[in-house]
């Protein structure tokens, strides 16, 4: 809450960005010193800051903060995957090949069924109101035209229906 009050009096995007870094790191250190979870405390502080301070931020500041923290998240994710990759020996990877394959298959099946609800091409498939089957590329197509280009799942007609439609998520 203190950071949100401070940011209301400042109108410089780099200063406000610096404040978010201090807020994140400071919250982590304080929580850790108190024997609490620094990660959860940081997430809570970010949520409060976003709720209380975001209306007072300029569009440029919001874009700067979002870009910087997105980049930081990307770097941390890459570092975690690198460390996990270094920790796993090839022999361990070979021994775990079966469960890995089953896990990938389960993820693909769950993702496909949760997005679609039914398989594309089945008689139960119906596009959202105002959309036609021809609005979407064929399955397996790499075309990036039309509404399908913004969908992160294999079936944009179920995941990204127009607002207010019965299939909107």
Protein backbone atom coordinates (compact mmCIF):
# COMPACT_ATOMS: atom_id res chain seq x y z
CA UNK A 1 0.00 0.00 0.00
CA UNK A 2 2.92 2.32 0.71
CA UNK A 3 4.33 1.70 -2.79
CA UNK A 4 0.93 2.51 -4.32
CA UNK A 5 0.83 5.82 -2.42
CA UNK A 6 4.35 6.69 -3.49
CA UNK A 7 3.67 5.93 -7.14
CA UNK A 8 0.69 8.30 -7.18
CA UNK A 9 3.04 11.18 -6.50
CA UNK A 10 5.53 10.24 -9.20
CA UNK A 11 5.08 10.64 -12.95
CA UNK A 12 8.30 9.10 -14.30
CA UNK A 13 8.10 5.62 -15.77
CA UNK A 14 11.64 4.57 -14.85
CA UNK A 15 11.19 5.67 -11.24
CA UNK A 16 7.93 3.73 -11.04
CA UNK A 17 9.61 0.68 -12.56
CA UNK A 18 12.41 0.94 -10.02
CA UNK A 19 9.79 1.08 -7.29
CA UNK A 20 8.31 -2.24 -8.50
CA UNK A 21 11.75 -3.86 -8.37
CA UNK A 22 12.35 -2.54 -4.84
CA UNK A 23 8.86 -3.69 -3.84
CA UNK A 24 9.42 -7.22 -5.16
CA UNK A 25 12.90 -7.69 -3.69
CA UNK A 26 12.13 -5.88 -0.43
CA UNK A 27 8.97 -7.89 0.15
CA UNK A 28 10.89 -11.10 -0.43
CA UNK A 29 13.64 -10.11 2.03
CA UNK A 30 11.20 -9.01 4.75
CA UNK A 31 9.11 -12.16 4.45
CA UNK A 32 12.20 -14.35 4.48
CA UNK A 33 13.52 -12.59 7.60
CA UNK A 34 10.18 -13.24 9.31
CA UNK A 35 10.31 -16.92 8.37
CA UNK A 36 7.49 -16.62 5.84
CA UNK A 37 7.38 -17.53 2.17
CA UNK A 38 9.12 -14.80 0.20
CA UNK A 39 7.59 -15.93 -3.08
CA UNK A 40 4.01 -15.83 -1.77
CA UNK A 41 4.63 -12.48 -0.07
CA UNK A 42 6.03 -11.06 -3.31
CA UNK A 43 3.05 -12.30 -5.31
CA UNK A 44 0.68 -10.80 -2.75
CA UNK A 45 2.53 -7.46 -2.82
CA UNK A 46 2.42 -7.44 -6.63
CA UNK A 47 -1.32 -8.10 -6.56
CA UNK A 48 -1.96 -5.28 -4.09
CA UNK A 49 0.30 -2.93 -6.04
CA UNK A 50 -1.43 -3.79 -9.30
CA UNK A 51 -4.87 -3.25 -7.79
CA UNK A 52 -4.11 -0.04 -5.93
CA UNK A 53 -1.48 1.66 -8.12
CA UNK A 54 -2.32 0.65 -11.68
CA UNK A 55 -5.10 3.24 -12.14
CA UNK A 56 -2.60 5.99 -11.28
CA UNK A 57 0.03 4.79 -13.77
CA UNK A 58 0.38 6.18 -17.27
CA UNK A 59 0.02 3.92 -20.30
CA UNK A 60 3.76 4.18 -20.98
CA UNK A 61 4.57 3.16 -17.40
CA UNK A 62 2.22 0.18 -17.55
CA UNK A 63 3.78 -0.98 -20.82
CA UNK A 64 7.30 -0.53 -19.43
CA UNK A 65 6.53 -2.44 -16.23
CA UNK A 66 4.78 -5.23 -18.13
CA UNK A 67 7.64 -5.57 -20.64
CA UNK A 68 10.38 -5.61 -18.02
CA UNK A 69 8.65 -8.11 -15.74
CA UNK A 70 7.74 -10.31 -18.70
CA UNK A 71 11.42 -10.35 -19.67
CA UNK A 72 12.49 -11.12 -16.09
CA UNK A 73 9.98 -14.01 -15.97
CA UNK A 74 11.36 -15.30 -19.28
CA UNK A 75 14.94 -15.21 -17.98
CA UNK A 76 14.03 -16.94 -14.72
CA UNK A 77 12.07 -19.64 -16.54
CA UNK A 78 15.00 -20.24 -18.88
CA UNK A 79 17.38 -20.43 -15.93
CA UNK A 80 15.19 -22.99 -14.15
CA UNK A 81 14.99 -25.17 -17.25
CA UNK A 82 18.74 -24.89 -17.73
CA UNK A 83 19.41 -25.92 -14.13
CA UNK A 84 16.99 -28.84 -14.37
CA UNK A 85 18.65 -29.90 -17.60
CA UNK A 86 22.07 -29.80 -15.96
CA UNK A 87 20.84 -31.81 -12.97
CA UNK A 88 19.42 -34.68 -15.02
CA UNK A 89 21.93 -37.22 -16.26
CA UNK A 90 21.37 -38.95 -19.60
CA UNK A 91 21.02 -42.31 -17.80
CA UNK A 92 18.23 -40.92 -15.61
CA UNK A 93 16.52 -39.51 -18.67
CA UNK A 94 16.58 -42.88 -20.42
CA UNK A 95 15.15 -44.60 -17.34
CA UNK A 96 12.33 -42.05 -17.18
CA UNK A 97 11.49 -42.18 -20.92
CA UNK A 98 8.30 -44.21 -20.42
CA UNK A 99 6.68 -41.88 -17.87
CA UNK A 100 7.80 -38.86 -19.90
CA UNK A 101 6.09 -40.17 -23.03
CA UNK A 102 2.89 -40.97 -21.09
CA UNK A 103 2.97 -37.49 -19.54
CA UNK A 104 3.31 -35.80 -22.93
CA UNK A 105 0.46 -37.89 -24.37
CA UNK A 106 -1.76 -37.07 -21.37
CA UNK A 107 -1.04 -33.35 -21.71
CA UNK A 108 -1.79 -33.36 -25.42
CA UNK A 109 -5.05 -35.29 -24.99
CA UNK A 110 -6.19 -33.15 -22.06
CA UNK A 111 -5.35 -29.92 -23.87
CA UNK A 112 -7.15 -30.98 -27.00
CA UNK A 113 -10.27 -32.19 -25.22
CA UNK A 114 -10.47 -29.23 -22.85
CA UNK A 115 -10.26 -26.74 -25.71
CA UNK A 116 -12.58 -28.51 -28.06
CA UNK A 117 -15.09 -30.39 -25.99
CA UNK A 118 -15.47 -32.67 -29.01
CA UNK A 119 -13.19 -33.62 -31.87
CA UNK A 120 -13.14 -31.32 -34.88
CA UNK A 121 -15.16 -32.69 -37.71
CA UNK A 122 -17.53 -34.58 -35.47
CA UNK A 123 -21.25 -34.09 -36.10
CA UNK A 124 -21.57 -32.37 -32.70
CA UNK A 125 -19.19 -29.55 -33.66
CA UNK A 126 -20.92 -26.22 -34.12
CA UNK A 127 -19.13 -22.90 -34.65
CA UNK A 128 -19.95 -19.96 -32.42
CA UNK A 129 -22.74 -17.68 -33.66
CA UNK A 130 -21.57 -15.62 -36.62
CA UNK A 131 -18.68 -17.97 -37.42
CA UNK A 132 -18.45 -20.61 -40.12
CA UNK A 133 -16.27 -23.68 -40.37
CA UNK A 134 -14.56 -22.04 -43.35
CA UNK A 135 -13.37 -19.21 -41.05
CA UNK A 136 -10.71 -21.56 -39.65
CA UNK A 137 -7.80 -23.29 -41.36
CA UNK A 138 -8.00 -27.03 -41.82
CA UNK A 139 -6.59 -29.23 -39.06
CA UNK A 140 -2.85 -29.45 -39.38
CA UNK A 141 -2.69 -26.30 -41.48
CA UNK A 142 0.03 -23.79 -40.72
CA UNK A 143 -1.95 -20.90 -42.10
CA UNK A 144 -1.87 -17.82 -39.91
CA UNK A 145 -4.88 -16.10 -41.40
CA UNK A 146 -8.19 -15.59 -39.69
CA UNK A 147 -9.19 -15.98 -36.05
CA UNK A 148 -7.15 -19.16 -35.59
CA UNK A 149 -3.89 -17.21 -35.66
CA UNK A 150 -4.50 -15.82 -32.17
CA UNK A 151 -5.53 -19.09 -30.55
CA UNK A 152 -3.00 -20.92 -28.38
CA UNK A 153 -4.88 -24.21 -28.63
CA UNK A 154 -5.77 -26.52 -31.51
CA UNK A 155 -9.41 -25.49 -31.67
CA UNK A 156 -10.00 -21.74 -31.75
CA UNK A 157 -13.75 -22.14 -32.20
CA UNK A 158 -14.04 -23.51 -28.66
CA UNK A 159 -11.32 -21.49 -26.92
CA UNK A 160 -11.84 -18.09 -28.49
CA UNK A 161 -15.48 -17.63 -29.32
CA UNK A 162 -16.91 -14.11 -29.57
CA UNK A 163 -17.92 -12.58 -26.21
CA UNK A 164 -21.48 -13.39 -25.28
CA UNK A 165 -21.63 -16.56 -27.36
CA UNK A 166 -22.66 -19.78 -25.63
CA UNK A 167 -19.20 -21.29 -26.13
CA UNK A 168 -17.23 -18.25 -24.93
CA UNK A 169 -14.62 -19.04 -22.28
